[in-house]
Amino acid sequence: MLPLSGCLFRTSHPVQVRMSTANLKEATLDQLVESINSNAARLNSFKATVDIDPTVVEQKKGKANAKDYPQLRGYVLARKPAMLRMILLVPVVRNTLADMVSDGHSFKLSVPSRREFRVGSNQLVGKPSANPLENVRPQHIKDALMLREIDPAAGEIAILEDGMEIVKDPKSHKDMQQPTYVVTVIDNDQKGPYLSRKVIFSRTDLLPHQQLIYNRDGRLVTEAHYENFTDHGGIMFPDVIQIHRPVENYTITLSVVKLNLNEPLTDDQFMLAKPSGFKLIDMDQKGESGEGEAELRR
């Protein structure tokens, strides 16, 4: 048996990923925080035409399968401090598929094809729906779209650490390791300090290409990726925003078609009334209001 042992047992060697040879820029924590805060301070509102690609992860027979939905055209309006409106259009015919508005605390959602008018809290309350896309909340989208300032006066503390990401070599197209800067934000409330978010900067352009948002218990709830930044009069805004929600198992990718920054947006543009004859559904209660309709069947 001993002569065979060398054949039966082999020592595995981990695959070595080469380091990137790109020219890396350097920055201090203060410079990175200033980059976040100055860009956030300049961005007060935006109106965007976007292409939307939704993906959900379905669990079948113990296996996770990604399901891509048809691309949608949509409009996104946002205004500080917390207003958001998102309109989705039916492919090809471009009728309204869904219209959602939020004031930062609650939301309203009109779904004409189902003649439904949904209301609820901005944060997911109760048991999630079996359909991951029904768990989308405006706050998830707004937190990813508009990178918040880091505010020491509100109890936030920023910490800098070195990170590493995997990138594609432009010549060989092989995976390579490349250093990053990670700005970790610690928030503080009545229960004490907690991990709030992480902003990952690329060392090639010193722009925030990723944001990780955590809940009070330290669980990752939103992972946002930003690509193809464009300078809009001193405001850097990405043309591609991917929002991944690992808890609800959905991903939404927004590709900017047209963008207008800091145009005046009125209160009327964030008003949404319940159409006559639509069912009123309280999403926090997972049922309908007392209008007498039967429970919604999804």
C-alpha atoms as a PDB file:
ATOM      1  CA  MET A   1       0.000   0.000   0.000  1.00  0.00           C
ATOM      2  CA  LEU A   2       2.832   2.430   0.774  1.00  0.00           C
ATOM      3  CA  PRO A   3       4.141   2.684  -2.813  1.00  0.00           C
ATOM      4  CA  LEU A   4       0.605   3.537  -3.927  1.00  0.00           C
ATOM      5  CA  SER A   5       0.120   6.335  -1.415  1.00  0.00           C
ATOM      6  CA  GLY A   6       1.916   8.836  -3.612  1.00  0.00           C
ATOM      7  CA  CYS A   7      -0.573   8.169  -6.399  1.00  0.00           C
ATOM      8  CA  LEU A   8      -3.704   8.171  -4.292  1.00  0.00           C
ATOM      9  CA  PHE A   9      -3.070  11.345  -2.331  1.00  0.00           C
ATOM     10  CA  ARG A  10      -2.103  14.572  -4.038  1.00  0.00           C
ATOM     11  CA  THR A  11      -1.376  17.938  -2.550  1.00  0.00           C
ATOM     12  CA  SER A  12      -3.624  20.588  -4.075  1.00  0.00           C
ATOM     13  CA  HIS A  13      -2.171  23.957  -4.965  1.00  0.00           C
ATOM     14  CA  PRO A  14      -4.428  27.032  -4.993  1.00  0.00           C
ATOM     15  CA  VAL A  15      -4.738  28.824  -8.310  1.00  0.00           C
ATOM     16  CA  GLN A  16      -2.663  31.984  -8.203  1.00  0.00           C
ATOM     17  CA  VAL A  17      -4.380  35.096  -9.531  1.00  0.00           C
ATOM     18  CA  ARG A  18      -1.935  37.625 -10.923  1.00  0.00           C
ATOM     19  CA  MET A  19      -1.784  41.186  -9.649  1.00  0.00           C
ATOM     20  CA  SER A  20      -2.952  43.991 -11.901  1.00  0.00           C
ATOM     21  CA  THR A  21      -0.270  46.185 -13.452  1.00  0.00           C
ATOM     22  CA  ALA A  22      -2.595  49.186 -13.854  1.00  0.00           C
ATOM     23  CA  ASN A  23      -1.444  52.581 -12.637  1.00  0.00           C
ATOM     24  CA  LEU A  24      -2.999  53.014  -9.201  1.00  0.00           C
ATOM     25  CA  LYS A  25      -3.908  56.338  -7.635  1.00  0.00           C
ATOM     26  CA  GLU A  26      -3.512  57.157  -3.951  1.00  0.00           C
ATOM     27  CA  ALA A  27      -5.824  59.015  -1.595  1.00  0.00           C
ATOM     28  CA  THR A  28      -6.282  59.622   2.112  1.00  0.00           C
ATOM     29  CA  LEU A  29      -9.421  58.917   4.131  1.00  0.00           C
ATOM     30  CA  ASP A  30     -10.194  62.649   4.271  1.00  0.00           C
ATOM     31  CA  GLN A  31      -9.909  62.934   0.492  1.00  0.00           C
ATOM     32  CA  LEU A  32     -12.240  59.971  -0.116  1.00  0.00           C
ATOM     33  CA  VAL A  33     -14.819  61.242   2.373  1.00  0.00           C
ATOM     34  CA  GLU A  34     -14.630  64.676   0.757  1.00  0.00           C
ATOM     35  CA  SER A  35     -15.196  63.045  -2.641  1.00  0.00           C
ATOM     36  CA  ILE A  36     -18.369  61.354  -1.356  1.00  0.00           C
ATOM     37  CA  ASN A  37     -19.659  64.415   0.480  1.00  0.00           C
ATOM     38  CA  SER A  38     -18.944  67.022  -2.195  1.00  0.00           C
ATOM     39  CA  ASN A  39     -20.579  64.945  -4.928  1.00  0.00           C
ATOM     40  CA  ALA A  40     -23.604  64.234  -2.718  1.00  0.00           C
ATOM     41  CA  ALA A  41     -23.930  67.914  -1.791  1.00  0.00           C
ATOM     42  CA  ARG A  42     -24.025  68.961  -5.459  1.00  0.00           C
ATOM     43  CA  LEU A  43     -26.684  66.399  -6.394  1.00  0.00           C
ATOM     44  CA  ASN A  44     -30.100  67.640  -5.272  1.00  0.00           C
ATOM     45  CA  SER A  45     -32.401  66.038  -7.836  1.00  0.00           C
ATOM     46  CA  PHE A  46     -32.398  64.023 -11.013  1.00  0.00           C
ATOM     47  CA  LYS A  47     -34.744  62.885 -13.733  1.00  0.00           C
ATOM     48  CA  ALA A  48     -33.659  59.854 -15.727  1.00  0.00           C
ATOM     49  CA  THR A  49     -34.905  57.682 -18.558  1.00  0.00           C
ATOM     50  CA  VAL A  50     -33.584  54.187 -17.923  1.00  0.00           C
ATOM     51  CA  ASP A  51     -33.625  50.653 -19.254  1.00  0.00           C
ATOM     52  CA  ILE A  52     -34.396  48.209 -16.447  1.00  0.00           C
ATOM     53  CA  ASP A  53     -33.271  44.573 -16.372  1.00  0.00           C
ATOM     54  CA  PRO A  54     -34.790  42.577 -13.466  1.00  0.00           C
ATOM     55  CA  THR A  55     -33.419  39.197 -12.370  1.00  0.00           C
ATOM     56  CA  VAL A  56     -34.655  36.912  -9.599  1.00  0.00           C
ATOM     57  CA  VAL A  57     -33.118  33.805  -8.055  1.00  0.00           C
ATOM     58  CA  GLU A  58     -35.544  30.893  -7.768  1.00  0.00           C
ATOM     59  CA  GLN A  59     -34.945  27.902  -5.542  1.00  0.00           C
ATOM     60  CA  LYS A  60     -36.024  24.653  -7.223  1.00  0.00           C
ATOM     61  CA  LYS A  61     -35.152  21.203  -5.898  1.00  0.00           C
ATOM     62  CA  GLY A  62     -32.393  22.616  -3.767  1.00  0.00           C
ATOM     63  CA  LYS A  63     -30.795  24.486  -6.670  1.00  0.00           C
ATOM     64  CA  ALA A  64     -30.638  28.219  -7.243  1.00  0.00           C
ATOM     65  CA  ASN A  65     -31.591  29.329 -10.753  1.00  0.00           C
ATOM     66  CA  ALA A  66     -31.393  32.898 -12.025  1.00  0.00           C
ATOM     67  CA  LYS A  67     -34.404  34.005 -14.048  1.00  0.00           C
ATOM     68  CA  ASP A  68     -34.119  37.067 -16.275  1.00  0.00           C
ATOM     69  CA  TYR A  69     -37.242  39.125 -17.018  1.00  0.00           C
ATOM     70  CA  PRO A  70     -37.805  41.170 -20.197  1.00  0.00           C
ATOM     71  CA  GLN A  71     -36.121  44.565 -20.254  1.00  0.00           C
ATOM     72  CA  LEU A  72     -38.372  47.499 -19.361  1.00  0.00           C
ATOM     73  CA  ARG A  73     -38.146  51.183 -20.186  1.00  0.00           C
ATOM     74  CA  GLY A  74     -38.762  53.443 -17.218  1.00  0.00           C
ATOM     75  CA  TYR A  75     -38.475  56.902 -15.689  1.00  0.00           C
ATOM     76  CA  VAL A  76     -36.915  57.704 -12.313  1.00  0.00           C
ATOM     77  CA  LEU A  77     -37.368  61.021 -10.509  1.00  0.00           C
ATOM     78  CA  ALA A  78     -35.622  61.788  -7.216  1.00  0.00           C
ATOM     79  CA  ARG A  79     -35.439  64.895  -5.054  1.00  0.00           C
ATOM     80  CA  LYS A  80     -33.749  65.456  -1.726  1.00  0.00           C
ATOM     81  CA  PRO A  81     -34.307  64.733   1.004  1.00  0.00           C
ATOM     82  CA  ALA A  82     -36.414  61.642   0.328  1.00  0.00           C
ATOM     83  CA  MET A  83     -38.792  61.948  -2.637  1.00  0.00           C
ATOM     84  CA  LEU A  84     -38.741  59.230  -5.319  1.00  0.00           C
ATOM     85  CA  ARG A  85     -40.950  58.281  -8.253  1.00  0.00           C
ATOM     86  CA  MET A  86     -40.429  55.343 -10.583  1.00  0.00           C
ATOM     87  CA  ILE A  87     -42.593  54.590 -13.626  1.00  0.00           C
ATOM     88  CA  LEU A  88     -42.260  51.308 -15.536  1.00  0.00           C
ATOM     89  CA  LEU A  89     -43.557  50.874 -19.071  1.00  0.00           C
ATOM     90  CA  VAL A  90     -44.861  47.765 -20.832  1.00  0.00           C
ATOM     91  CA  PRO A  91     -42.372  46.539 -23.462  1.00  0.00           C
ATOM     92  CA  VAL A  92     -43.115  47.610 -27.065  1.00  0.00           C
ATOM     93  CA  VAL A  93     -46.488  49.305 -26.461  1.00  0.00           C
ATOM     94  CA  ARG A  94     -45.065  51.485 -23.651  1.00  0.00           C
ATOM     95  CA  ASN A  95     -48.252  51.683 -21.576  1.00  0.00           C
ATOM     96  CA  THR A  96     -47.767  52.180 -17.821  1.00  0.00           C
ATOM     97  CA  LEU A  97     -46.956  48.868 -16.170  1.00  0.00           C
ATOM     98  CA  ALA A  98     -46.408  50.294 -12.676  1.00  0.00           C
ATOM     99  CA  ASP A  99     -46.163  53.716 -11.062  1.00  0.00           C
ATOM    100  CA  MET A 100     -44.584  54.077  -7.617  1.00  0.00           C
ATOM    101  CA  VAL A 101     -43.985  57.147  -5.425  1.00  0.00           C
ATOM    102  CA  SER A 102     -42.402  57.521  -1.997  1.00  0.00           C
ATOM    103  CA  ASP A 103     -41.912  60.310   0.535  1.00  0.00           C
ATOM    104  CA  GLY A 104     -39.155  58.462   2.393  1.00  0.00           C
ATOM    105  CA  HIS A 105     -41.474  56.868   4.959  1.00  0.00           C
ATOM    106  CA  SER A 106     -44.247  55.190   2.954  1.00  0.00           C
ATOM    107  CA  PHE A 107     -45.002  54.410  -0.661  1.00  0.00           C
ATOM    108  CA  LYS A 108     -47.880  54.129  -3.104  1.00  0.00           C
ATOM    109  CA  LEU A 109     -47.889  51.788  -6.081  1.00  0.00           C
ATOM    110  CA  SER A 110     -50.409  51.737  -8.919  1.00  0.00           C
ATOM    111  CA  VAL A 111     -50.590  48.577 -11.072  1.00  0.00           C
ATOM    112  CA  PRO A 112     -53.106  49.273 -13.888  1.00  0.00           C
ATOM    113  CA  SER A 113     -53.045  45.764 -15.404  1.00  0.00           C
ATOM    114  CA  ARG A 114     -54.272  44.323 -12.077  1.00  0.00           C
ATOM    115  CA  ARG A 115     -56.347  47.372 -11.140  1.00  0.00           C
ATOM    116  CA  GLU A 116     -54.499  47.444  -7.823  1.00  0.00           C
ATOM    117  CA  PHE A 117     -53.324  50.357  -5.678  1.00  0.00           C
ATOM    118  CA  ARG A 118     -50.803  49.245  -3.072  1.00  0.00           C
ATOM    119  CA  VAL A 119     -49.596  51.200  -0.052  1.00  0.00           C
ATOM    120  CA  GLY A 120     -47.071  50.377   2.642  1.00  0.00           C
ATOM    121  CA  SER A 121     -43.949  51.200   4.576  1.00  0.00           C
ATOM    122  CA  ASN A 122     -40.722  51.983   2.745  1.00  0.00           C
ATOM    123  CA  GLN A 123     -39.088  49.164   4.645  1.00  0.00           C
ATOM    124  CA  LEU A 124     -40.209  45.585   4.094  1.00  0.00           C
ATOM    125  CA  VAL A 125     -42.623  44.612   6.864  1.00  0.00           C
ATOM    126  CA  GLY A 126     -43.807  41.110   7.699  1.00  0.00           C
ATOM    127  CA  LYS A 127     -43.227  37.984   5.638  1.00  0.00           C
ATOM    128  CA  PRO A 128     -41.737  38.594   2.166  1.00  0.00           C
ATOM    129  CA  SER A 129     -43.818  37.725  -0.887  1.00  0.00           C
ATOM    130  CA  ALA A 130     -43.024  34.528  -2.787  1.00  0.00           C
ATOM    131  CA  ASN A 131     -42.506  36.752  -5.836  1.00  0.00           C
ATOM    132  CA  PRO A 132     -39.189  38.544  -5.125  1.00  0.00           C
ATOM    133  CA  LEU A 133     -40.087  41.552  -7.288  1.00  0.00           C
ATOM    134  CA  GLU A 134     -43.114  42.248  -5.098  1.00  0.00           C
ATOM    135  CA  ASN A 135     -40.653  42.908  -2.264  1.00  0.00           C
ATOM    136  CA  VAL A 136     -39.048  45.894  -4.025  1.00  0.00           C
ATOM    137  CA  ARG A 137     -39.266  48.995  -1.851  1.00  0.00           C
ATOM    138  CA  PRO A 138     -38.428  52.590  -2.861  1.00  0.00           C
ATOM    139  CA  GLN A 139     -35.870  52.963  -0.083  1.00  0.00           C
ATOM    140  CA  HIS A 140     -33.818  50.099  -1.499  1.00  0.00           C
ATOM    141  CA  ILE A 141     -33.595  51.910  -4.834  1.00  0.00           C
ATOM    142  CA  LYS A 142     -32.997  55.409  -3.452  1.00  0.00           C
ATOM    143  CA  ASP A 143     -30.246  54.288  -1.054  1.00  0.00           C
ATOM    144  CA  ALA A 144     -28.389  52.765  -3.988  1.00  0.00           C
ATOM    145  CA  LEU A 145     -28.983  55.597  -6.472  1.00  0.00           C
ATOM    146  CA  MET A 146     -28.027  58.540  -4.278  1.00  0.00           C
ATOM    147  CA  LEU A 147     -24.844  57.952  -2.278  1.00  0.00           C
ATOM    148  CA  ARG A 148     -25.387  59.671   1.074  1.00  0.00           C
ATOM    149  CA  GLU A 149     -22.952  62.034   2.711  1.00  0.00           C
ATOM    150  CA  ILE A 150     -20.903  60.814   5.669  1.00  0.00           C
ATOM    151  CA  ASP A 151     -22.008  63.040   8.552  1.00  0.00           C
ATOM    152  CA  PRO A 152     -19.864  63.115  11.727  1.00  0.00           C
ATOM    153  CA  ALA A 153     -22.383  65.500  13.326  1.00  0.00           C
ATOM    154  CA  ALA A 154     -24.986  62.710  13.100  1.00  0.00           C
ATOM    155  CA  GLY A 155     -22.660  60.261  14.833  1.00  0.00           C
ATOM    156  CA  GLU A 156     -21.120  58.627  11.757  1.00  0.00           C
ATOM    157  CA  ILE A 157     -17.463  57.572  11.822  1.00  0.00           C
ATOM    158  CA  ALA A 158     -15.468  56.701   8.699  1.00  0.00           C
ATOM    159  CA  ILE A 159     -12.591  54.208   8.694  1.00  0.00           C
ATOM    160  CA  LEU A 160     -10.224  53.460   5.804  1.00  0.00           C
ATOM    161  CA  GLU A 161      -8.868  50.034   4.965  1.00  0.00           C
ATOM    162  CA  ASP A 162      -7.191  48.400   1.986  1.00  0.00           C
ATOM    163  CA  GLY A 163      -9.247  45.973  -0.056  1.00  0.00           C
ATOM    164  CA  MET A 164      -8.867  43.791  -3.114  1.00  0.00           C
ATOM    165  CA  GLU A 165     -11.071  43.196  -6.136  1.00  0.00           C
ATOM    166  CA  ILE A 166     -10.954  40.902  -9.154  1.00  0.00           C
ATOM    167  CA  VAL A 167     -10.759  42.712 -12.504  1.00  0.00           C
ATOM    168  CA  LYS A 168     -10.283  41.627 -16.095  1.00  0.00           C
ATOM    169  CA  ASP A 169      -6.925  42.305 -17.683  1.00  0.00           C
ATOM    170  CA  PRO A 170      -7.636  44.513 -20.741  1.00  0.00           C
ATOM    171  CA  LYS A 171      -5.190  42.552 -22.905  1.00  0.00           C
ATOM    172  CA  SER A 172      -5.476  38.922 -21.798  1.00  0.00           C
ATOM    173  CA  HIS A 173      -9.066  39.214 -20.418  1.00  0.00           C
ATOM    174  CA  LYS A 174      -7.956  37.010 -17.520  1.00  0.00           C
ATOM    175  CA  ASP A 175      -8.872  37.618 -13.872  1.00  0.00           C
ATOM    176  CA  MET A 176      -6.409  39.760 -11.961  1.00  0.00           C
ATOM    177  CA  GLN A 177      -6.294  41.137  -8.421  1.00  0.00           C
ATOM    178  CA  GLN A 178      -6.326  44.881  -7.981  1.00  0.00           C
ATOM    179  CA  PRO A 179      -6.137  46.886  -4.724  1.00  0.00           C
ATOM    180  CA  THR A 180      -9.068  49.050  -3.655  1.00  0.00           C
ATOM    181  CA  TYR A 181      -9.856  51.558  -0.936  1.00  0.00           C
ATOM    182  CA  VAL A 182     -12.707  50.624   1.412  1.00  0.00           C
ATOM    183  CA  VAL A 183     -14.376  53.402   3.404  1.00  0.00           C
ATOM    184  CA  THR A 184     -16.298  51.745   6.245  1.00  0.00           C
ATOM    185  CA  VAL A 185     -19.006  53.880   7.860  1.00  0.00           C
ATOM    186  CA  ILE A 186     -19.947  53.209  11.495  1.00  0.00           C
ATOM    187  CA  ASP A 187     -23.210  54.772  12.634  1.00  0.00           C
ATOM    188  CA  ASN A 188     -24.445  55.302  16.173  1.00  0.00           C
ATOM    189  CA  ASP A 189     -27.915  55.287  17.687  1.00  0.00           C
ATOM    190  CA  GLN A 190     -29.540  54.671  21.076  1.00  0.00           C
ATOM    191  CA  LYS A 191     -28.456  51.040  20.968  1.00  0.00           C
ATOM    192  CA  GLY A 192     -24.833  51.946  20.291  1.00  0.00           C
ATOM    193  CA  PRO A 193     -22.479  51.839  17.278  1.00  0.00           C
ATOM    194  CA  TYR A 194     -23.093  49.529  14.328  1.00  0.00           C
ATOM    195  CA  LEU A 195     -21.822  48.862  10.805  1.00  0.00           C
ATOM    196  CA  SER A 196     -23.867  51.003   8.418  1.00  0.00           C
ATOM    197  CA  ARG A 197     -22.222  50.723   4.997  1.00  0.00           C
ATOM    198  CA  LYS A 198     -19.031  50.295   3.037  1.00  0.00           C
ATOM    199  CA  VAL A 199     -18.035  52.317  -0.019  1.00  0.00           C
ATOM    200  CA  ILE A 200     -15.415  50.659  -2.240  1.00  0.00           C
ATOM    201  CA  PHE A 201     -13.282  52.918  -4.420  1.00  0.00           C
ATOM    202  CA  SER A 202     -11.408  51.778  -7.506  1.00  0.00           C
ATOM    203  CA  ARG A 203      -7.707  52.694  -7.342  1.00  0.00           C
ATOM    204  CA  THR A 204      -7.621  53.437 -11.080  1.00  0.00           C
ATOM    205  CA  ASP A 205     -10.020  56.418 -10.968  1.00  0.00           C
ATOM    206  CA  LEU A 206     -10.778  56.938  -7.230  1.00  0.00           C
ATOM    207  CA  LEU A 207     -14.522  56.660  -7.887  1.00  0.00           C
ATOM    208  CA  PRO A 208     -16.994  54.642  -5.762  1.00  0.00           C
ATOM    209  CA  HIS A 209     -17.727  51.556  -7.851  1.00  0.00           C
ATOM    210  CA  GLN A 210     -19.479  49.593  -5.107  1.00  0.00           C
ATOM    211  CA  GLN A 211     -21.582  50.232  -2.001  1.00  0.00           C
ATOM    212  CA  LEU A 212     -22.533  47.643   0.624  1.00  0.00           C
ATOM    213  CA  ILE A 213     -25.421  48.555   2.943  1.00  0.00           C
ATOM    214  CA  TYR A 214     -26.079  46.669   6.201  1.00  0.00           C
ATOM    215  CA  ASN A 215     -29.010  46.508   8.590  1.00  0.00           C
ATOM    216  CA  ARG A 216     -28.823  47.107  12.349  1.00  0.00           C
ATOM    217  CA  ASP A 217     -27.882  43.447  12.929  1.00  0.00           C
ATOM    218  CA  GLY A 218     -24.902  43.598  10.564  1.00  0.00           C
ATOM    219  CA  ARG A 219     -26.571  41.701   7.734  1.00  0.00           C
ATOM    220  CA  LEU A 220     -25.808  42.723   4.159  1.00  0.00           C
ATOM    221  CA  VAL A 221     -29.115  43.927   2.670  1.00  0.00           C
ATOM    222  CA  THR A 222     -28.101  45.897  -0.433  1.00  0.00           C
ATOM    223  CA  GLU A 223     -25.127  45.516  -2.748  1.00  0.00           C
ATOM    224  CA  ALA A 224     -24.870  48.256  -5.375  1.00  0.00           C
ATOM    225  CA  HIS A 225     -22.397  48.408  -8.266  1.00  0.00           C
ATOM    226  CA  TYR A 226     -21.671  51.549 -10.291  1.00  0.00           C
ATOM    227  CA  GLU A 227     -20.031  51.651 -13.719  1.00  0.00           C
ATOM    228  CA  ASN A 228     -19.328  54.081 -16.576  1.00  0.00           C
ATOM    229  CA  PHE A 229     -19.217  57.339 -14.624  1.00  0.00           C
ATOM    230  CA  THR A 230     -19.927  60.555 -16.536  1.00  0.00           C
ATOM    231  CA  ASP A 231     -19.066  64.073 -15.416  1.00  0.00           C
ATOM    232  CA  HIS A 232     -22.232  66.212 -15.435  1.00  0.00           C
ATOM    233  CA  GLY A 233     -20.915  69.691 -14.693  1.00  0.00           C
ATOM    234  CA  GLY A 234     -18.848  68.589 -11.714  1.00  0.00           C
ATOM    235  CA  ILE A 235     -21.243  65.836 -10.584  1.00  0.00           C
ATOM    236  CA  MET A 236     -20.071  62.296 -11.213  1.00  0.00           C
ATOM    237  CA  PHE A 237     -22.983  59.951 -11.965  1.00  0.00           C
ATOM    238  CA  PRO A 238     -22.810  56.327 -13.185  1.00  0.00           C
ATOM    239  CA  ASP A 239     -24.514  55.242 -16.389  1.00  0.00           C
ATOM    240  CA  VAL A 240     -25.054  51.694 -15.052  1.00  0.00           C
ATOM    241  CA  ILE A 241     -26.346  50.942 -11.545  1.00  0.00           C
ATOM    242  CA  GLN A 242     -26.872  47.366 -10.434  1.00  0.00           C
ATOM    243  CA  ILE A 243     -28.881  46.877  -7.236  1.00  0.00           C
ATOM    244  CA  HIS A 244     -28.722  43.425  -5.656  1.00  0.00           C
ATOM    245  CA  ARG A 245     -30.877  42.482  -2.663  1.00  0.00           C
ATOM    246  CA  PRO A 246     -29.532  39.171  -1.262  1.00  0.00           C
ATOM    247  CA  VAL A 247     -32.315  38.882   1.329  1.00  0.00           C
ATOM    248  CA  GLU A 248     -35.148  38.982  -1.227  1.00  0.00           C
ATOM    249  CA  ASN A 249     -33.109  37.345  -4.023  1.00  0.00           C
ATOM    250  CA  TYR A 250     -33.582  39.933  -6.750  1.00  0.00           C
ATOM    251  CA  THR A 251     -31.303  42.147  -8.821  1.00  0.00           C
ATOM    252  CA  ILE A 252     -32.284  45.267 -10.769  1.00  0.00           C
ATOM    253  CA  THR A 253     -29.897  46.796 -13.298  1.00  0.00           C
ATOM    254  CA  LEU A 254     -30.586  50.376 -14.382  1.00  0.00           C
ATOM    255  CA  SER A 255     -28.910  51.623 -17.570  1.00  0.00           C
ATOM    256  CA  VAL A 256     -29.215  55.370 -18.038  1.00  0.00           C
ATOM    257  CA  VAL A 257     -30.563  56.447 -21.442  1.00  0.00           C
ATOM    258  CA  LYS A 258     -31.074  60.125 -20.637  1.00  0.00           C
ATOM    259  CA  LEU A 259     -30.228  62.075 -17.488  1.00  0.00           C
ATOM    260  CA  ASN A 260     -31.044  65.582 -16.245  1.00  0.00           C
ATOM    261  CA  LEU A 261     -29.515  66.667 -12.942  1.00  0.00           C
ATOM    262  CA  ASN A 262     -30.702  69.386 -10.551  1.00  0.00           C
ATOM    263  CA  GLU A 263     -33.731  70.403 -12.589  1.00  0.00           C
ATOM    264  CA  PRO A 264     -36.597  71.781 -10.450  1.00  0.00           C
ATOM    265  CA  LEU A 265     -39.051  69.008  -9.539  1.00  0.00           C
ATOM    266  CA  THR A 266     -42.397  70.061  -8.080  1.00  0.00           C
ATOM    267  CA  ASP A 267     -44.480  68.340  -5.404  1.00  0.00           C
ATOM    268  CA  ASP A 268     -47.092  67.518  -8.050  1.00  0.00           C
ATOM    269  CA  GLN A 269     -44.564  65.271  -9.805  1.00  0.00           C
ATOM    270  CA  PHE A 270     -44.523  63.079  -6.702  1.00  0.00           C
ATOM    271  CA  MET A 271     -48.298  62.852  -6.280  1.00  0.00           C
ATOM    272  CA  LEU A 272     -50.125  59.593  -7.012  1.00  0.00           C
ATOM    273  CA  ALA A 273     -53.851  59.185  -6.371  1.00  0.00           C
ATOM    274  CA  LYS A 274     -55.775  55.920  -6.241  1.00  0.00           C
ATOM    275  CA  PRO A 275     -57.774  55.499  -9.478  1.00  0.00           C
ATOM    276  CA  SER A 276     -61.464  54.787  -9.167  1.00  0.00           C
ATOM    277  CA  GLY A 277     -62.269  51.081  -9.016  1.00  0.00           C
ATOM    278  CA  PHE A 278     -58.753  49.956  -8.058  1.00  0.00           C
ATOM    279  CA  LYS A 279     -58.334  47.580  -5.111  1.00  0.00           C
ATOM    280  CA  LEU A 280     -56.560  49.165  -2.158  1.00  0.00           C
ATOM    281  CA  ILE A 281     -53.953  46.762  -0.737  1.00  0.00           C
ATOM    282  CA  ASP A 282     -51.940  47.341   2.425  1.00  0.00           C
ATOM    283  CA  MET A 283     -48.608  45.629   1.786  1.00  0.00           C
ATOM    284  CA  ASP A 284     -47.657  45.816   5.468  1.00  0.00           C
ATOM    285  CA  GLN A 285     -50.744  43.777   6.360  1.00  0.00           C
ATOM    286  CA  LYS A 286     -50.461  41.424   3.363  1.00  0.00           C
ATOM    287  CA  GLY A 287     -54.114  41.994   2.634  1.00  0.00           C
ATOM    288  CA  GLU A 288     -56.596  44.588   1.437  1.00  0.00           C
ATOM    289  CA  SER A 289     -58.216  47.520   3.175  1.00  0.00           C
ATOM    290  CA  GLY A 290     -61.742  47.338   4.440  1.00  0.00           C
ATOM    291  CA  GLU A 291     -63.351  47.905   1.065  1.00  0.00           C
ATOM    292  CA  GLY A 292     -65.010  44.503   0.958  1.00  0.00           C
ATOM    293  CA  GLU A 293     -62.913  42.871  -1.757  1.00  0.00           C
ATOM    294  CA  ALA A 294     -61.694  39.316  -1.347  1.00  0.00           C
ATOM    295  CA  GLU A 295     -58.080  38.720  -0.386  1.00  0.00           C
ATOM    296  CA  LEU A 296     -55.684  39.267  -3.235  1.00  0.00           C
ATOM    297  CA  ARG A 297     -54.674  36.105  -5.073  1.00  0.00           C
ATOM    298  CA  ARG A 298     -51.207  36.363  -6.492  1.00  0.00           C
END
